[in-house]
Amino acid sequence: MAWLCGGLVAGHVLVALKHHYIDRDGVLTRMLPRRERHAGTTPRLTAQEER
């Protein structure tokens, strides 16, 4: 069971890196938490908020 869970985690990591470095489609950056912004800057709108 532990090997199965480890394999699933490793597979997800590899696919996320493939999307980031090969496909360059922004999937990995959308999954990561955003950094804190400095005071006085306006937050960037997401694609959904722009509609």
PDB file of N, CA and C in Angstrom:
ATOM      1  N   MET A   1       0.823  -1.189   0.000  1.00  0.00           N
ATOM      2  CA  MET A   1       0.000   0.000   0.000  1.00  0.00           C
ATOM      3  C   MET A   1       0.873   1.261   0.000  1.00  0.00           C
ATOM      4  N   ALA A   2       1.953   1.236   0.779  1.00  0.00           N
ATOM      5  CA  ALA A   2       2.853   2.388   0.834  1.00  0.00           C
ATOM      6  C   ALA A   2       3.519   2.627  -0.525  1.00  0.00           C
ATOM      7  N   TRP A   3       3.875   1.546  -1.225  1.00  0.00           N
ATOM      8  CA  TRP A   3       4.488   1.695  -2.541  1.00  0.00           C
ATOM      9  C   TRP A   3       3.505   2.307  -3.542  1.00  0.00           C
ATOM     10  N   LEU A   4       2.257   1.947  -3.424  1.00  0.00           N
ATOM     11  CA  LEU A   4       1.234   2.501  -4.308  1.00  0.00           C
ATOM     12  C   LEU A   4       1.083   4.004  -4.074  1.00  0.00           C
ATOM     13  N   CYS A   5       1.004   4.402  -2.815  1.00  0.00           N
ATOM     14  CA  CYS A   5       0.890   5.835  -2.496  1.00  0.00           C
ATOM     15  C   CYS A   5       2.129   6.603  -2.949  1.00  0.00           C
ATOM     16  N   GLY A   6       3.298   6.034  -2.719  1.00  0.00           N
ATOM     17  CA  GLY A   6       4.536   6.677  -3.160  1.00  0.00           C
ATOM     18  C   GLY A   6       4.590   6.808  -4.670  1.00  0.00           C
ATOM     19  N   GLY A   7       4.124   5.790  -5.372  1.00  0.00           N
ATOM     20  CA  GLY A   7       4.095   5.833  -6.832  1.00  0.00           C
ATOM     21  C   GLY A   7       3.140   6.895  -7.356  1.00  0.00           C
ATOM     22  N   LEU A   8       1.989   7.023  -6.694  1.00  0.00           N
ATOM     23  CA  LEU A   8       1.032   8.057  -7.102  1.00  0.00           C
ATOM     24  C   LEU A   8       1.585   9.457  -6.881  1.00  0.00           C
ATOM     25  N   VAL A   9       2.246   9.666  -5.754  1.00  0.00           N
ATOM     26  CA  VAL A   9       2.846  10.984  -5.477  1.00  0.00           C
ATOM     27  C   VAL A   9       3.939  11.285  -6.495  1.00  0.00           C
ATOM     28  N   ALA A  10       4.810  10.308  -6.747  1.00  0.00           N
ATOM     29  CA  ALA A  10       5.898  10.506  -7.709  1.00  0.00           C
ATOM     30  C   ALA A  10       5.338  10.780  -9.112  1.00  0.00           C
ATOM     31  N   GLY A  11       4.281  10.069  -9.480  1.00  0.00           N
ATOM     32  CA  GLY A  11       3.663  10.292 -10.791  1.00  0.00           C
ATOM     33  C   GLY A  11       3.096  11.694 -10.919  1.00  0.00           C
ATOM     34  N   HIS A  12       2.434  12.167  -9.871  1.00  0.00           N
ATOM     35  CA  HIS A  12       1.881  13.519  -9.905  1.00  0.00           C
ATOM     36  C   HIS A  12       2.982  14.567 -10.012  1.00  0.00           C
ATOM     37  N   VAL A  13       4.072  14.371  -9.300  1.00  0.00           N
ATOM     38  CA  VAL A  13       5.194  15.315  -9.360  1.00  0.00           C
ATOM     39  C   VAL A  13       5.778  15.341 -10.768  1.00  0.00           C
ATOM     40  N   LEU A  14       5.977  14.167 -11.357  1.00  0.00           N
ATOM     41  CA  LEU A  14       6.547  14.112 -12.702  1.00  0.00           C
ATOM     42  C   LEU A  14       5.629  14.775 -13.741  1.00  0.00           C
ATOM     43  N   VAL A  15       4.336  14.539 -13.630  1.00  0.00           N
ATOM     44  CA  VAL A  15       3.409  15.143 -14.585  1.00  0.00           C
ATOM     45  C   VAL A  15       3.341  16.656 -14.386  1.00  0.00           C
ATOM     46  N   ALA A  16       3.398  17.124 -13.137  1.00  0.00           N
ATOM     47  CA  ALA A  16       3.394  18.572 -12.885  1.00  0.00           C
ATOM     48  C   ALA A  16       4.643  19.215 -13.478  1.00  0.00           C
ATOM     49  N   LEU A  17       5.802  18.560 -13.337  1.00  0.00           N
ATOM     50  CA  LEU A  17       7.038  19.096 -13.918  1.00  0.00           C
ATOM     51  C   LEU A  17       6.992  19.072 -15.443  1.00  0.00           C
ATOM     52  N   LYS A  18       6.360  18.050 -16.020  1.00  0.00           N
ATOM     53  CA  LYS A  18       6.191  17.999 -17.470  1.00  0.00           C
ATOM     54  C   LYS A  18       5.364  19.182 -17.955  1.00  0.00           C
ATOM     55  N   HIS A  19       4.271  19.484 -17.249  1.00  0.00           N
ATOM     56  CA  HIS A  19       3.444  20.631 -17.634  1.00  0.00           C
ATOM     57  C   HIS A  19       4.228  21.936 -17.529  1.00  0.00           C
ATOM     58  N   HIS A  20       5.089  22.039 -16.513  1.00  0.00           N
ATOM     59  CA  HIS A  20       5.833  23.278 -16.304  1.00  0.00           C
ATOM     60  C   HIS A  20       6.947  23.464 -17.327  1.00  0.00           C
ATOM     61  N   TYR A  21       7.747  22.424 -17.561  1.00  0.00           N
ATOM     62  CA  TYR A  21       8.942  22.570 -18.403  1.00  0.00           C
ATOM     63  C   TYR A  21       8.721  22.216 -19.876  1.00  0.00           C
ATOM     64  N   ILE A  22       7.839  21.297 -20.176  1.00  0.00           N
ATOM     65  CA  ILE A  22       7.655  20.882 -21.573  1.00  0.00           C
ATOM     66  C   ILE A  22       6.459  21.595 -22.198  1.00  0.00           C
ATOM     67  N   ASP A  23       5.297  21.492 -21.549  1.00  0.00           N
ATOM     68  CA  ASP A  23       4.088  22.110 -22.102  1.00  0.00           C
ATOM     69  C   ASP A  23       4.051  23.620 -21.876  1.00  0.00           C
ATOM     70  N   ARG A  24       4.676  24.089 -20.803  1.00  0.00           N
ATOM     71  CA  ARG A  24       4.699  25.512 -20.439  1.00  0.00           C
ATOM     72  C   ARG A  24       3.294  26.125 -20.439  1.00  0.00           C
ATOM     73  N   ASP A  25       2.361  25.441 -19.769  1.00  0.00           N
ATOM     74  CA  ASP A  25       0.981  25.899 -19.774  1.00  0.00           C
ATOM     75  C   ASP A  25       0.530  26.528 -18.460  1.00  0.00           C
ATOM     76  N   GLY A  26       1.402  26.693 -17.490  1.00  0.00           N
ATOM     77  CA  GLY A  26       1.066  27.392 -16.266  1.00  0.00           C
ATOM     78  C   GLY A  26       0.313  26.577 -15.231  1.00  0.00           C
ATOM     79  N   VAL A  27       0.175  25.276 -15.444  1.00  0.00           N
ATOM     80  CA  VAL A  27      -0.569  24.443 -14.489  1.00  0.00           C
ATOM     81  C   VAL A  27       0.139  24.420 -13.139  1.00  0.00           C
ATOM     82  N   LEU A  28       1.439  24.250 -13.139  1.00  0.00           N
ATOM     83  CA  LEU A  28       2.174  24.161 -11.875  1.00  0.00           C
ATOM     84  C   LEU A  28       2.111  25.474 -11.101  1.00  0.00           C
ATOM     85  N   THR A  29       2.248  26.589 -11.775  1.00  0.00           N
ATOM     86  CA  THR A  29       2.208  27.875 -11.073  1.00  0.00           C
ATOM     87  C   THR A  29       0.817  28.170 -10.519  1.00  0.00           C
ATOM     88  N   ARG A  30      -0.242  27.665 -11.180  1.00  0.00           N
ATOM     89  CA  ARG A  30      -1.592  27.851 -10.638  1.00  0.00           C
ATOM     90  C   ARG A  30      -1.826  26.993  -9.402  1.00  0.00           C
ATOM     91  N   MET A  31      -1.140  25.870  -9.292  1.00  0.00           N
ATOM     92  CA  MET A  31      -1.318  24.990  -8.131  1.00  0.00           C
ATOM     93  C   MET A  31      -0.559  25.484  -6.905  1.00  0.00           C
ATOM     94  N   LEU A  32       0.524  26.222  -7.113  1.00  0.00           N
ATOM     95  CA  LEU A  32       1.333  26.677  -5.987  1.00  0.00           C
ATOM     96  C   LEU A  32       0.663  27.854  -5.288  1.00  0.00           C
ATOM     97  N   PRO A  33       0.866  27.979  -3.969  1.00  0.00           N
ATOM     98  CA  PRO A  33       0.279  29.126  -3.266  1.00  0.00           C
ATOM     99  C   PRO A  33       0.946  30.418  -3.719  1.00  0.00           C
ATOM    100  N   ARG A  34       0.165  31.491  -3.682  1.00  0.00           N
ATOM    101  CA  ARG A  34       0.697  32.796  -4.087  1.00  0.00           C
ATOM    102  C   ARG A  34       1.559  33.377  -2.981  1.00  0.00           C
ATOM    103  N   ARG A  35       2.531  34.179  -3.373  1.00  0.00           N
ATOM    104  CA  ARG A  35       3.371  34.892  -2.401  1.00  0.00           C
ATOM    105  C   ARG A  35       2.608  36.070  -1.837  1.00  0.00           C
ATOM    106  N   GLU A  36       3.032  36.515  -0.661  1.00  0.00           N
ATOM    107  CA  GLU A  36       2.449  37.726  -0.084  1.00  0.00           C
ATOM    108  C   GLU A  36       2.878  38.916  -0.931  1.00  0.00           C
ATOM    109  N   ARG A  37       1.974  39.825  -1.175  1.00  0.00           N
ATOM    110  CA  ARG A  37       2.288  41.021  -1.961  1.00  0.00           C
ATOM    111  C   ARG A  37       2.667  42.156  -1.029  1.00  0.00           C
ATOM    112  N   HIS A  38       3.493  43.053  -1.531  1.00  0.00           N
ATOM    113  CA  HIS A  38       3.874  44.227  -0.757  1.00  0.00           C
ATOM    114  C   HIS A  38       2.694  45.188  -0.659  1.00  0.00           C
ATOM    115  N   ALA A  39       2.657  45.946   0.380  1.00  0.00           N
ATOM    116  CA  ALA A  39       1.582  46.928   0.557  1.00  0.00           C
ATOM    117  C   ALA A  39       1.657  47.964  -0.560  1.00  0.00           C
ATOM    118  N   GLY A  40       0.526  48.348  -1.076  1.00  0.00           N
ATOM    119  CA  GLY A  40       0.484  49.367  -2.108  1.00  0.00           C
ATOM    120  C   GLY A  40       0.462  48.829  -3.521  1.00  0.00           C
ATOM    121  N   THR A  41       0.606  47.528  -3.697  1.00  0.00           N
ATOM    122  CA  THR A  41       0.532  46.972  -5.046  1.00  0.00           C
ATOM    123  C   THR A  41      -0.852  46.396  -5.262  1.00  0.00           C
ATOM    124  N   THR A  42      -1.289  46.428  -6.485  1.00  0.00           N
ATOM    125  CA  THR A  42      -2.605  45.878  -6.789  1.00  0.00           C
ATOM    126  C   THR A  42      -2.466  44.405  -7.137  1.00  0.00           C
ATOM    127  N   PRO A  43      -3.339  43.556  -6.614  1.00  0.00           N
ATOM    128  CA  PRO A  43      -3.251  42.132  -6.930  1.00  0.00           C
ATOM    129  C   PRO A  43      -3.647  41.868  -8.375  1.00  0.00           C
ATOM    130  N   ARG A  44      -3.016  40.881  -8.984  1.00  0.00           N
ATOM    131  CA  ARG A  44      -3.320  40.516 -10.354  1.00  0.00           C
ATOM    132  C   ARG A  44      -4.624  39.731 -10.396  1.00  0.00           C
ATOM    133  N   LEU A  45      -5.464  40.006 -11.370  1.00  0.00           N
ATOM    134  CA  LEU A  45      -6.730  39.295 -11.498  1.00  0.00           C
ATOM    135  C   LEU A  45      -6.494  37.936 -12.131  1.00  0.00           C
ATOM    136  N   THR A  46      -7.254  36.957 -11.692  1.00  0.00           N
ATOM    137  CA  THR A  46      -7.210  35.650 -12.341  1.00  0.00           C
ATOM    138  C   THR A  46      -8.050  35.704 -13.588  1.00  0.00           C
ATOM    139  N   ALA A  47      -7.931  34.714 -14.454  1.00  0.00           N
ATOM    140  CA  ALA A  47      -8.688  34.694 -15.697  1.00  0.00           C
ATOM    141  C   ALA A  47     -10.183  34.696 -15.415  1.00  0.00           C
ATOM    142  N   GLN A  48     -10.599  34.031 -14.356  1.00  0.00           N
ATOM    143  CA  GLN A  48     -12.013  33.968 -14.024  1.00  0.00           C
ATOM    144  C   GLN A  48     -12.528  35.325 -13.540  1.00  0.00           C
ATOM    145  N   GLU A  49     -11.707  36.063 -12.801  1.00  0.00           N
ATOM    146  CA  GLU A  49     -12.115  37.366 -12.288  1.00  0.00           C
ATOM    147  C   GLU A  49     -12.185  38.418 -13.390  1.00  0.00           C
ATOM    148  N   GLU A  50     -11.430  38.233 -14.470  1.00  0.00           N
ATOM    149  CA  GLU A  50     -11.407  39.206 -15.560  1.00  0.00           C
ATOM    150  C   GLU A  50     -12.698  39.182 -16.353  1.00  0.00           C
ATOM    151  N   ARG A  51     -13.432  38.089 -16.324  1.00  0.00           N
ATOM    152  CA  ARG A  51     -14.657  37.942 -17.132  1.00  0.00           C
ATOM    153  C   ARG A  51     -15.781  38.763 -16.611  1.00  0.00           C
TER     154      ARG A  51
END
